PDB file of N, CA and C in Angstrom:
ATOM      1  N   UNK A   1     118.099 105.943  95.795  1.00  0.00           N
ATOM      2  CA  UNK A   1     117.690 104.775  94.707  1.00  0.00           C
ATOM      3  C   UNK A   1     118.056 103.615  95.492  1.00  0.00           C
ATOM      4  N   UNK A   2     117.272 102.277  95.720  1.00  0.00           N
ATOM      5  CA  UNK A   2     117.798 101.216  96.183  1.00  0.00           C
ATOM      6  C   UNK A   2     118.328 100.369  94.905  1.00  0.00           C
ATOM      7  N   UNK A   3     119.566  99.851  95.301  1.00  0.00           N
ATOM      8  CA  UNK A   3     119.972  99.130  94.234  1.00  0.00           C
ATOM      9  C   UNK A   3     119.578  97.679  94.595  1.00  0.00           C
ATOM     10  N   UNK A   4     119.068  96.892  93.154  1.00  0.00           N
ATOM     11  CA  UNK A   4     118.677  95.637  93.536  1.00  0.00           C
ATOM     12  C   UNK A   4     119.319  94.754  92.567  1.00  0.00           C
ATOM     13  N   UNK A   5     119.413  93.345  92.713  1.00  0.00           N
ATOM     14  CA  UNK A   5     119.893  92.554  91.464  1.00  0.00           C
ATOM     15  C   UNK A   5     118.993  92.811  90.392  1.00  0.00           C
ATOM     16  N   UNK A   6     119.405  92.654  88.989  1.00  0.00           N
ATOM     17  CA  UNK A   6     118.813  92.750  87.617  1.00  0.00           C
ATOM     18  C   UNK A   6     117.695  92.157  87.585  1.00  0.00           C
ATOM     19  N   UNK A   7     117.505  90.956  87.864  1.00  0.00           N
ATOM     20  CA  UNK A   7     116.314  89.961  87.575  1.00  0.00           C
ATOM     21  C   UNK A   7     115.064  90.736  88.661  1.00  0.00           C
ATOM     22  N   UNK A   8     115.455  91.062  89.449  1.00  0.00           N
ATOM     23  CA  UNK A   8     114.574  91.580  90.392  1.00  0.00           C
ATOM     24  C   UNK A   8     114.080  92.939  90.288  1.00  0.00           C
ATOM     25  N   UNK A   9     114.903  93.981  89.878  1.00  0.00           N
ATOM     26  CA  UNK A   9     114.925  95.097  89.319  1.00  0.00           C
ATOM     27  C   UNK A   9     113.605  95.222  88.118  1.00  0.00           C
ATOM     28  N   UNK A  10     113.781  94.286  87.282  1.00  0.00           N
ATOM     29  CA  UNK A  10     112.840  94.205  86.199  1.00  0.00           C
ATOM     30  C   UNK A  10     111.768  93.464  86.444  1.00  0.00           C
ATOM     31  N   UNK A  11     111.764  92.694  87.386  1.00  0.00           N
ATOM     32  CA  UNK A  11     110.502  91.943  88.142  1.00  0.00           C
ATOM     33  C   UNK A  11     109.669  93.240  88.557  1.00  0.00           C
ATOM     34  N   UNK A  12     110.086  94.179  89.280  1.00  0.00           N
ATOM     35  CA  UNK A  12     109.549  95.298  90.106  1.00  0.00           C
ATOM     36  C   UNK A  12     108.906  96.022  88.856  1.00  0.00           C
ATOM     37  N   UNK A  13     109.858  96.267  88.131  1.00  0.00           N
ATOM     38  CA  UNK A  13     109.595  97.358  86.765  1.00  0.00           C
ATOM     39  C   UNK A  13     108.412  96.652  85.888  1.00  0.00           C
ATOM     40  N   UNK A  14     108.205  95.392  85.718  1.00  0.00           N
ATOM     41  CA  UNK A  14     107.517  94.640  84.834  1.00  0.00           C
ATOM     42  C   UNK A  14     106.016  94.691  85.860  1.00  0.00           C
ATOM     43  N   UNK A  15     105.984  94.388  86.914  1.00  0.00           N
ATOM     44  CA  UNK A  15     104.671  94.624  87.761  1.00  0.00           C
ATOM     45  C   UNK A  15     104.264  96.008  87.816  1.00  0.00           C
ATOM     46  N   UNK A  16     104.899  96.873  88.125  1.00  0.00           N
ATOM     47  CA  UNK A  16     104.412  97.943  88.220  1.00  0.00           C
ATOM     48  C   UNK A  16     103.718  98.621  86.919  1.00  0.00           C
ATOM     49  N   UNK A  17     104.450  98.279  85.704  1.00  0.00           N
ATOM     50  CA  UNK A  17     103.994  98.270  84.399  1.00  0.00           C
ATOM     51  C   UNK A  17     102.805  97.647  83.938  1.00  0.00           C
ATOM     52  N   UNK A  18     102.114  96.705  84.935  1.00  0.00           N
ATOM     53  CA  UNK A  18     101.119  95.607  84.788  1.00  0.00           C
ATOM     54  C   UNK A  18     101.642  94.646  83.245  1.00  0.00           C
ATOM     55  N   UNK A  19     102.797  94.290  83.194  1.00  0.00           N
ATOM     56  CA  UNK A  19     103.611  93.436  81.994  1.00  0.00           C
ATOM     57  C   UNK A  19     103.738  92.240  82.592  1.00  0.00           C
ATOM     58  N   UNK A  20     102.707  91.244  82.819  1.00  0.00           N
ATOM     59  CA  UNK A  20     103.126  89.977  83.210  1.00  0.00           C
ATOM     60  C   UNK A  20     103.871  88.923  82.613  1.00  0.00           C
ATOM     61  N   UNK A  21     104.224  89.323  81.085  1.00  0.00           N
ATOM     62  CA  UNK A  21     105.367  88.746  80.178  1.00  0.00           C
ATOM     63  C   UNK A  21     106.701  89.339  80.607  1.00  0.00           C
ATOM     64  N   UNK A  22     106.594  90.641  81.009  1.00  0.00           N
ATOM     65  CA  UNK A  22     108.220  90.946  81.512  1.00  0.00           C
ATOM     66  C   UNK A  22     108.354  90.356  82.633  1.00  0.00           C
ATOM     67  N   UNK A  23     107.532  90.366  83.599  1.00  0.00           N
ATOM     68  CA  UNK A  23     107.478  89.639  84.894  1.00  0.00           C
ATOM     69  C   UNK A  23     107.860  87.981  84.841  1.00  0.00           C
ATOM     70  N   UNK A  24     107.566  87.347  83.892  1.00  0.00           N
ATOM     71  CA  UNK A  24     107.791  86.145  83.922  1.00  0.00           C
ATOM     72  C   UNK A  24     108.966  85.887  83.087  1.00  0.00           C
ATOM     73  N   UNK A  25     109.530  86.831  82.463  1.00  0.00           N
ATOM     74  CA  UNK A  25     110.727  86.549  81.953  1.00  0.00           C
ATOM     75  C   UNK A  25     112.081  86.740  82.858  1.00  0.00           C
ATOM     76  N   UNK A  26     111.974  87.164  83.891  1.00  0.00           N
ATOM     77  CA  UNK A  26     112.830  87.287  84.814  1.00  0.00           C
ATOM     78  C   UNK A  26     112.852  85.802  85.733  1.00  0.00           C
ATOM     79  N   UNK A  27     112.116  85.172  85.692  1.00  0.00           N
ATOM     80  CA  UNK A  27     111.979  83.689  86.359  1.00  0.00           C
ATOM     81  C   UNK A  27     112.522  82.794  85.430  1.00  0.00           C
ATOM     82  N   UNK A  28     113.286  81.509  86.398  1.00  0.00           N
ATOM     83  CA  UNK A  28     113.883  80.325  85.761  1.00  0.00           C
ATOM     84  C   UNK A  28     112.518  79.688  85.400  1.00  0.00           C
ATOM     85  N   UNK A  29     113.124  78.510  84.461  1.00  0.00           N
ATOM     86  CA  UNK A  29     111.984  77.599  83.772  1.00  0.00           C
ATOM     87  C   UNK A  29     111.149  77.021  84.959  1.00  0.00           C
ATOM     88  N   UNK A  30     111.905  76.744  86.397  1.00  0.00           N
ATOM     89  CA  UNK A  30     111.345  76.077  87.050  1.00  0.00           C
ATOM     90  C   UNK A  30     111.193  76.666  88.695  1.00  0.00           C
ATOM     91  N   UNK A  31     110.936  78.329  88.253  1.00  0.00           N
ATOM     92  CA  UNK A  31     110.778  78.984  89.629  1.00  0.00           C
ATOM     93  C   UNK A  31     109.588  78.296  90.432  1.00  0.00           C
ATOM     94  N   UNK A  32     109.953  79.121  91.581  1.00  0.00           N
ATOM     95  CA  UNK A  32     108.187  78.745  92.613  1.00  0.00           C
ATOM     96  C   UNK A  32     108.358  80.151  93.158  1.00  0.00           C
ATOM     97  N   UNK A  33     106.944  80.237  92.748  1.00  0.00           N
ATOM     98  CA  UNK A  33     106.549  81.625  93.413  1.00  0.00           C
ATOM     99  C   UNK A  33     105.353  81.255  95.030  1.00  0.00           C
ATOM    100  N   UNK A  34     105.238  81.863  96.085  1.00  0.00           N
ATOM    101  CA  UNK A  34     104.286  81.421  97.247  1.00  0.00           C
ATOM    102  C   UNK A  34     104.043  82.815  97.181  1.00  0.00           C
ATOM    103  N   UNK A  35     102.829  82.767  97.370  1.00  0.00           N
ATOM    104  CA  UNK A  35     102.114  84.085  97.667  1.00  0.00           C
ATOM    105  C   UNK A  35     100.375  83.685  98.139  1.00  0.00           C
ATOM    106  N   UNK A  36     100.075  84.692  98.973  1.00  0.00           N
ATOM    107  CA  UNK A  36      98.542  84.211  99.509  1.00  0.00           C
ATOM    108  C   UNK A  36      98.391  82.696  99.635  1.00  0.00           C
ATOM    109  N   UNK A  37      99.332  81.894 100.072  1.00  0.00           N
ATOM    110  CA  UNK A  37      99.214  80.902 100.950  1.00  0.00           C
ATOM    111  C   UNK A  37      98.656  79.977  99.557  1.00  0.00           C
ATOM    112  N   UNK A  38      99.324  80.092  98.428  1.00  0.00           N
ATOM    113  CA  UNK A  38      99.657  79.466  97.225  1.00  0.00           C
ATOM    114  C   UNK A  38     100.855  79.195  96.547  1.00  0.00           C
ATOM    115  N   UNK A  39     100.969  77.977  96.091  1.00  0.00           N
ATOM    116  CA  UNK A  39     102.498  77.956  95.415  1.00  0.00           C
ATOM    117  C   UNK A  39     102.175  77.812  93.878  1.00  0.00           C
ATOM    118  N   UNK A  40     103.238  78.723  93.031  1.00  0.00           N
ATOM    119  CA  UNK A  40     103.273  78.497  91.676  1.00  0.00           C
ATOM    120  C   UNK A  40     104.506  77.887  91.151  1.00  0.00           C
ATOM    121  N   UNK A  41     104.344  76.695  90.299  1.00  0.00           N
ATOM    122  CA  UNK A  41     105.481  76.196  89.791  1.00  0.00           C
ATOM    123  C   UNK A  41     105.837  76.193  88.340  1.00  0.00           C
ATOM    124  N   UNK A  42     106.905  76.778  88.067  1.00  0.00           N
ATOM    125  CA  UNK A  42     107.340  76.550  86.703  1.00  0.00           C
ATOM    126  C   UNK A  42     106.837  78.122  86.116  1.00  0.00           C
ATOM    127  N   UNK A  43     107.635  78.645  85.017  1.00  0.00           N
ATOM    128  CA  UNK A  43     107.654  79.952  84.625  1.00  0.00           C
ATOM    129  C   UNK A  43     106.005  80.232  83.665  1.00  0.00           C
ATOM    130  N   UNK A  44     105.465  79.100  83.466  1.00  0.00           N
ATOM    131  CA  UNK A  44     103.853  79.493  82.883  1.00  0.00           C
ATOM    132  C   UNK A  44     103.096  79.562  84.225  1.00  0.00           C
ATOM    133  N   UNK A  45     103.190  79.274  85.238  1.00  0.00           N
ATOM    134  CA  UNK A  45     102.096  79.357  86.223  1.00  0.00           C
ATOM    135  C   UNK A  45     102.704  80.796  86.738  1.00  0.00           C
ATOM    136  N   UNK A  46     104.096  81.097  87.046  1.00  0.00           N
ATOM    137  CA  UNK A  46     104.479  82.160  87.373  1.00  0.00           C
ATOM    138  C   UNK A  46     103.700  83.330  86.576  1.00  0.00           C
ATOM    139  N   UNK A  47     103.727  83.175  85.251  1.00  0.00           N
ATOM    140  CA  UNK A  47     103.159  84.350  84.163  1.00  0.00           C
ATOM    141  C   UNK A  47     101.417  84.427  84.713  1.00  0.00           C
ATOM    142  N   UNK A  48     100.830  83.235  84.817  1.00  0.00           N
ATOM    143  CA  UNK A  48      99.452  83.156  85.058  1.00  0.00           C
ATOM    144  C   UNK A  48      99.350  83.991  86.369  1.00  0.00           C
ATOM    145  N   UNK A  49      99.820  83.689  87.549  1.00  0.00           N
ATOM    146  CA  UNK A  49      99.640  84.112  88.723  1.00  0.00           C
ATOM    147  C   UNK A  49     100.085  85.724  88.739  1.00  0.00           C
ATOM    148  N   UNK A  50     100.829  86.147  88.064  1.00  0.00           N
ATOM    149  CA  UNK A  50     101.191  87.600  87.841  1.00  0.00           C
ATOM    150  C   UNK A  50      99.744  88.209  86.886  1.00  0.00           C
ATOM    151  N   UNK A  51      99.378  87.567  85.899  1.00  0.00           N
ATOM    152  CA  UNK A  51      98.448  88.035  84.999  1.00  0.00           C
ATOM    153  C   UNK A  51      96.897  88.518  85.818  1.00  0.00           C
ATOM    154  N   UNK A  52      97.209  87.168  86.735  1.00  0.00           N
ATOM    155  CA  UNK A  52      95.445  87.144  87.784  1.00  0.00           C
ATOM    156  C   UNK A  52      95.769  88.248  88.734  1.00  0.00           C
ATOM    157  N   UNK A  53      96.898  88.508  89.197  1.00  0.00           N
ATOM    158  CA  UNK A  53      97.210  89.785  90.058  1.00  0.00           C
ATOM    159  C   UNK A  53      96.925  90.616  89.742  1.00  0.00           C
ATOM    160  N   UNK A  54      97.592  91.139  88.713  1.00  0.00           N
ATOM    161  CA  UNK A  54      97.250  92.522  87.710  1.00  0.00           C
ATOM    162  C   UNK A  54      95.872  92.751  87.629  1.00  0.00           C
ATOM    163  N   UNK A  55      95.155  91.460  87.252  1.00  0.00           N
ATOM    164  CA  UNK A  55      93.878  91.823  87.077  1.00  0.00           C
ATOM    165  C   UNK A  55      93.078  91.957  87.823  1.00  0.00           C
ATOM    166  N   UNK A  56      93.124  91.285  89.136  1.00  0.00           N
ATOM    167  CA  UNK A  56      92.642  91.356  90.359  1.00  0.00           C
ATOM    168  C   UNK A  56      92.697  92.289  91.329  1.00  0.00           C
ATOM    169  N   UNK A  57      94.183  93.039  91.167  1.00  0.00           N
ATOM    170  CA  UNK A  57      94.576  93.842  92.205  1.00  0.00           C
ATOM    171  C   UNK A  57      94.781  95.408  91.532  1.00  0.00           C
ATOM    172  N   UNK A  58      95.468  95.411  90.234  1.00  0.00           N
ATOM    173  CA  UNK A  58      95.831  96.838  89.703  1.00  0.00           C
ATOM    174  C   UNK A  58      96.890  97.286  90.446  1.00  0.00           C
ATOM    175  N   UNK A  59      97.710  96.644  91.095  1.00  0.00           N
ATOM    176  CA  UNK A  59      98.685  96.717  92.083  1.00  0.00           C
ATOM    177  C   UNK A  59      99.947  97.713  91.512  1.00  0.00           C
ATOM    178  N   UNK A  60     100.471  98.364  92.238  1.00  0.00           N
ATOM    179  CA  UNK A  60     101.715  99.043  92.524  1.00  0.00           C
ATOM    180  C   UNK A  60     102.411  98.784  93.450  1.00  0.00           C
ATOM    181  N   UNK A  61     104.116  98.883  93.204  1.00  0.00           N
ATOM    182  CA  UNK A  61     104.849  98.317  94.844  1.00  0.00           C
ATOM    183  C   UNK A  61     105.719  99.450  94.592  1.00  0.00           C
ATOM    184  N   UNK A  62     106.336 100.176  95.636  1.00  0.00           N
ATOM    185  CA  UNK A  62     107.132 101.149  95.962  1.00  0.00           C
ATOM    186  C   UNK A  62     108.375 100.397  96.776  1.00  0.00           C
ATOM    187  N   UNK A  63     109.179 100.756  96.408  1.00  0.00           N
ATOM    188  CA  UNK A  63     110.251  99.795  97.336  1.00  0.00           C
ATOM    189  C   UNK A  63     110.873 100.534  98.446  1.00  0.00           C
ATOM    190  N   UNK A  64     110.593  99.994  99.465  1.00  0.00           N
ATOM    191  CA  UNK A  64     111.140 100.702 100.766  1.00  0.00           C
ATOM    192  C   UNK A  64     112.465 100.519 101.211  1.00  0.00           C
ATOM    193  N   UNK A  65     112.826  99.079 101.069  1.00  0.00           N
ATOM    194  CA  UNK A  65     114.276  98.948 101.365  1.00  0.00           C
ATOM    195  C   UNK A  65     114.277  97.466 100.817  1.00  0.00           C
ATOM    196  N   UNK A  66     115.893  96.869 101.080  1.00  0.00           N
ATOM    197  CA  UNK A  66     116.312  95.861 100.662  1.00  0.00           C
ATOM    198  C   UNK A  66     117.640  95.219 101.283  1.00  0.00           C
ATOM    199  N   UNK A  67     117.292  93.868 101.438  1.00  0.00           N
ATOM    200  CA  UNK A  67     118.447  93.416 102.693  1.00  0.00           C
ATOM    201  C   UNK A  67     118.867  91.965 101.919  1.00  0.00           C
ATOM    202  N   UNK A  68     120.334  91.982 101.848  1.00  0.00           N
ATOM    203  CA  UNK A  68     120.624  90.820 101.338  1.00  0.00           C
ATOM    204  C   UNK A  68     120.408  89.578 102.855  1.00  0.00           C
ATOM    205  N   UNK A  69     119.690  88.748 102.763  1.00  0.00           N
ATOM    206  CA  UNK A  69     119.754  87.127 103.408  1.00  0.00           C
ATOM    207  C   UNK A  69     120.832  86.550 103.347  1.00  0.00           C
ATOM    208  N   UNK A  70     120.726  85.259 103.783  1.00  0.00           N
ATOM    209  CA  UNK A  70     121.945  83.967 103.632  1.00  0.00           C
ATOM    210  C   UNK A  70     121.474  83.521 102.157  1.00  0.00           C
ATOM    211  N   UNK A  71     120.726  83.390 101.911  1.00  0.00           N
ATOM    212  CA  UNK A  71     120.424  83.059 100.289  1.00  0.00           C
ATOM    213  C   UNK A  71     119.946  83.667  99.076  1.00  0.00           C
ATOM    214  N   UNK A  72     119.572  85.043  99.834  1.00  0.00           N
ATOM    215  CA  UNK A  72     118.666  85.782  98.354  1.00  0.00           C
ATOM    216  C   UNK A  72     118.857  87.051  98.978  1.00  0.00           C
ATOM    217  N   UNK A  73     118.018  87.737  98.489  1.00  0.00           N
ATOM    218  CA  UNK A  73     117.178  89.118  98.888  1.00  0.00           C
ATOM    219  C   UNK A  73     116.066  89.247  99.209  1.00  0.00           C
ATOM    220  N   UNK A  74     115.830  90.149 100.388  1.00  0.00           N
ATOM    221  CA  UNK A  74     114.431  90.512 100.748  1.00  0.00           C
ATOM    222  C   UNK A  74     114.241  91.912 100.290  1.00  0.00           C
ATOM    223  N   UNK A  75     113.079  92.220  99.818  1.00  0.00           N
ATOM    224  CA  UNK A  75     112.586  93.442  99.430  1.00  0.00           C
ATOM    225  C   UNK A  75     111.500  93.781 100.072  1.00  0.00           C
ATOM    226  N   UNK A  76     111.552  94.932 100.801  1.00  0.00           N
ATOM    227  CA  UNK A  76     110.315  95.217 101.747  1.00  0.00           C
ATOM    228  C   UNK A  76     109.465  96.443 100.618  1.00  0.00           C
ATOM    229  N   UNK A  77     108.239  96.487 100.501  1.00  0.00           N
ATOM    230  CA  UNK A  77     107.740  97.480  99.485  1.00  0.00           C
ATOM    231  C   UNK A  77     106.320  97.457  99.904  1.00  0.00           C
ATOM    232  N   UNK A  78     105.605  99.002  99.556  1.00  0.00           N
ATOM    233  CA  UNK A  78     104.697  99.525  99.975  1.00  0.00           C
ATOM    234  C   UNK A  78     103.648  99.556  98.705  1.00  0.00           C
ATOM    235  N   UNK A  79     102.547  98.053  98.827  1.00  0.00           N
ATOM    236  CA  UNK A  79     102.002  97.858  97.848  1.00  0.00           C
ATOM    237  C   UNK A  79     100.461  98.544  97.903  1.00  0.00           C
ATOM    238  N   UNK A  80     100.338  99.087  96.787  1.00  0.00           N
ATOM    239  CA  UNK A  80      99.045  99.820  96.492  1.00  0.00           C
ATOM    240  C   UNK A  80      98.202  99.026  95.851  1.00  0.00           C
ATOM    241  N   UNK A  81      96.915  98.950  96.372  1.00  0.00           N
ATOM    242  CA  UNK A  81      95.905  97.951  95.634  1.00  0.00           C
ATOM    243  C   UNK A  81      94.825  98.106  95.459  1.00  0.00           C
ATOM    244  N   UNK A  82      93.793  98.119  94.849  1.00  0.00           N
ATOM    245  CA  UNK A  82      92.233  98.464  94.505  1.00  0.00           C
ATOM    246  C   UNK A  82      91.127  97.897  95.647  1.00  0.00           C
ATOM    247  N   UNK A  83      91.817  97.651  96.605  1.00  0.00           N
ATOM    248  CA  UNK A  83      90.812  97.291  97.798  1.00  0.00           C
ATOM    249  C   UNK A  83      90.893  98.037  99.247  1.00  0.00           C
ATOM    250  N   UNK A  84      89.912  97.745  99.924  1.00  0.00           N
ATOM    251  CA  UNK A  84      89.886  98.775 101.019  1.00  0.00           C
ATOM    252  C   UNK A  84      91.259  98.141 101.970  1.00  0.00           C
ATOM    253  N   UNK A  85      91.796  99.144 102.846  1.00  0.00           N
ATOM    254  CA  UNK A  85      92.699  98.720 103.836  1.00  0.00           C
ATOM    255  C   UNK A  85      94.351  98.908 103.089  1.00  0.00           C
ATOM    256  N   UNK A  86      94.295  99.720 101.309  1.00  0.00           N
ATOM    257  CA  UNK A  86      95.798  99.442 100.717  1.00  0.00           C
ATOM    258  C   UNK A  86      96.078 101.103 101.411  1.00  0.00           C
ATOM    259  N   UNK A  87      97.202 101.078 101.409  1.00  0.00           N
ATOM    260  CA  UNK A  87      98.258 100.519 100.798  1.00  0.00           C
ATOM    261  C   UNK A  87      98.653  99.441 101.605  1.00  0.00           C
ATOM    262  N   UNK A  88      99.377  98.424 101.677  1.00  0.00           N
ATOM    263  CA  UNK A  88     100.010  97.422 102.622  1.00  0.00           C
ATOM    264  C   UNK A  88     101.464  97.306 102.527  1.00  0.00           C
ATOM    265  N   UNK A  89     102.104  96.801 103.555  1.00  0.00           N
ATOM    266  CA  UNK A  89     103.605  96.590 103.296  1.00  0.00           C
ATOM    267  C   UNK A  89     103.788  95.178 103.148  1.00  0.00           C
ATOM    268  N   UNK A  90     104.353  94.524 102.315  1.00  0.00           N
ATOM    269  CA  UNK A  90     104.841  93.319 102.344  1.00  0.00           C
ATOM    270  C   UNK A  90     106.320  93.013 101.774  1.00  0.00           C
ATOM    271  N   UNK A  91     106.849  92.005 102.402  1.00  0.00           N
ATOM    272  CA  UNK A  91     108.075  91.361 102.256  1.00  0.00           C
ATOM    273  C   UNK A  91     108.035  90.326 101.059  1.00  0.00           C
ATOM    274  N   UNK A  92     109.101  90.722  99.781  1.00  0.00           N
ATOM    275  CA  UNK A  92     109.113  90.043  98.735  1.00  0.00           C
ATOM    276  C   UNK A  92     110.954  89.176  98.998  1.00  0.00           C
ATOM    277  N   UNK A  93     110.313  88.305  99.104  1.00  0.00           N
ATOM    278  CA  UNK A  93     111.858  87.123  99.813  1.00  0.00           C
ATOM    279  C   UNK A  93     112.394  86.730  98.236  1.00  0.00           C
ATOM    280  N   UNK A  94     113.549  87.250  97.750  1.00  0.00           N
ATOM    281  CA  UNK A  94     114.092  86.487  96.506  1.00  0.00           C
ATOM    282  C   UNK A  94     115.414  85.377  96.668  1.00  0.00           C
ATOM    283  N   UNK A  95     115.341  84.552  95.717  1.00  0.00           N
ATOM    284  CA  UNK A  95     116.568  83.507  95.617  1.00  0.00           C
ATOM    285  C   UNK A  95     116.509  83.887  94.321  1.00  0.00           C
ATOM    286  N   UNK A  96     117.837  84.370  93.687  1.00  0.00           N
ATOM    287  CA  UNK A  96     118.328  84.395  92.302  1.00  0.00           C
ATOM    288  C   UNK A  96     119.291  83.457  91.911  1.00  0.00           C
ATOM    289  N   UNK A  97     119.654  82.781  90.795  1.00  0.00           N
ATOM    290  CA  UNK A  97     120.388  81.718  90.440  1.00  0.00           C
ATOM    291  C   UNK A  97     120.416  81.766  88.920  1.00  0.00           C
ATOM    292  N   UNK A  98     121.673  81.724  88.561  1.00  0.00           N
ATOM    293  CA  UNK A  98     121.939  81.899  87.155  1.00  0.00           C
ATOM    294  C   UNK A  98     121.243  82.738  86.459  1.00  0.00           C
ATOM    295  N   UNK A  99     121.211  84.175  86.990  1.00  0.00           N
ATOM    296  CA  UNK A  99     120.483  85.300  86.581  1.00  0.00           C
ATOM    297  C   UNK A  99     119.084  85.217  86.440  1.00  0.00           C
ATOM    298  N   UNK A 100     118.487  84.395  87.082  1.00  0.00           N
ATOM    299  CA  UNK A 100     117.007  84.620  87.157  1.00  0.00           C
ATOM    300  C   UNK A 100     116.554  84.368  88.308  1.00  0.00           C
ATOM    301  N   UNK A 101     115.336  84.599  88.829  1.00  0.00           N
ATOM    302  CA  UNK A 101     114.604  84.404  90.025  1.00  0.00           C
ATOM    303  C   UNK A 101     114.272  82.742  90.208  1.00  0.00           C
ATOM    304  N   UNK A 102     114.791  82.121  91.097  1.00  0.00           N
ATOM    305  CA  UNK A 102     114.512  80.729  91.238  1.00  0.00           C
ATOM    306  C   UNK A 102     113.220  80.827  92.245  1.00  0.00           C
ATOM    307  N   UNK A 103     113.166  81.775  93.259  1.00  0.00           N
ATOM    308  CA  UNK A 103     111.893  81.541  94.125  1.00  0.00           C
ATOM    309  C   UNK A 103     111.927  83.336  94.876  1.00  0.00           C
ATOM    310  N   UNK A 104     110.637  83.158  94.856  1.00  0.00           N
ATOM    311  CA  UNK A 104     109.692  84.479  95.634  1.00  0.00           C
ATOM    312  C   UNK A 104     108.949  84.179  96.455  1.00  0.00           C
ATOM    313  N   UNK A 105     108.971  84.400  97.826  1.00  0.00           N
ATOM    314  CA  UNK A 105     107.950  84.161  98.748  1.00  0.00           C
ATOM    315  C   UNK A 105     107.291  85.905  99.440  1.00  0.00           C
ATOM    316  N   UNK A 106     106.277  85.870  98.706  1.00  0.00           N
ATOM    317  CA  UNK A 106     105.474  87.090  99.352  1.00  0.00           C
ATOM    318  C   UNK A 106     104.719  87.202 100.831  1.00  0.00           C
ATOM    319  N   UNK A 107     104.648  87.682 101.587  1.00  0.00           N
ATOM    320  CA  UNK A 107     104.215  87.750 103.044  1.00  0.00           C
ATOM    321  C   UNK A 107     104.237  89.308 103.467  1.00  0.00           C
ATOM    322  N   UNK A 108     103.352  89.200 104.541  1.00  0.00           N
ATOM    323  CA  UNK A 108     103.291  90.702 105.436  1.00  0.00           C
ATOM    324  C   UNK A 108     104.125  90.708 106.118  1.00  0.00           C
TER     325      UNK A 108
END
């Protein structure tokens, strides 16, 4: 089992359970998420982003690895979605501050 900081573990648990409210609760009020060349600012926007992603993709993430970086944690995951070419491997780069996710960037 790969050890992750608590808010990151809860984020993936909520994501895989398709629960945008659980995911949003992991983020700071002023969090920033970058995904698919779009930026989402604030916990309300993050919740809407997750709700939309769940509706469009019905995704699940299998965590493959985790590494501490200069200012955060990068998690590599195999993401299974409901479109051709699935699964895909994506990097999730997190910055955690005050027990909440402050930033998340998702890239191939």
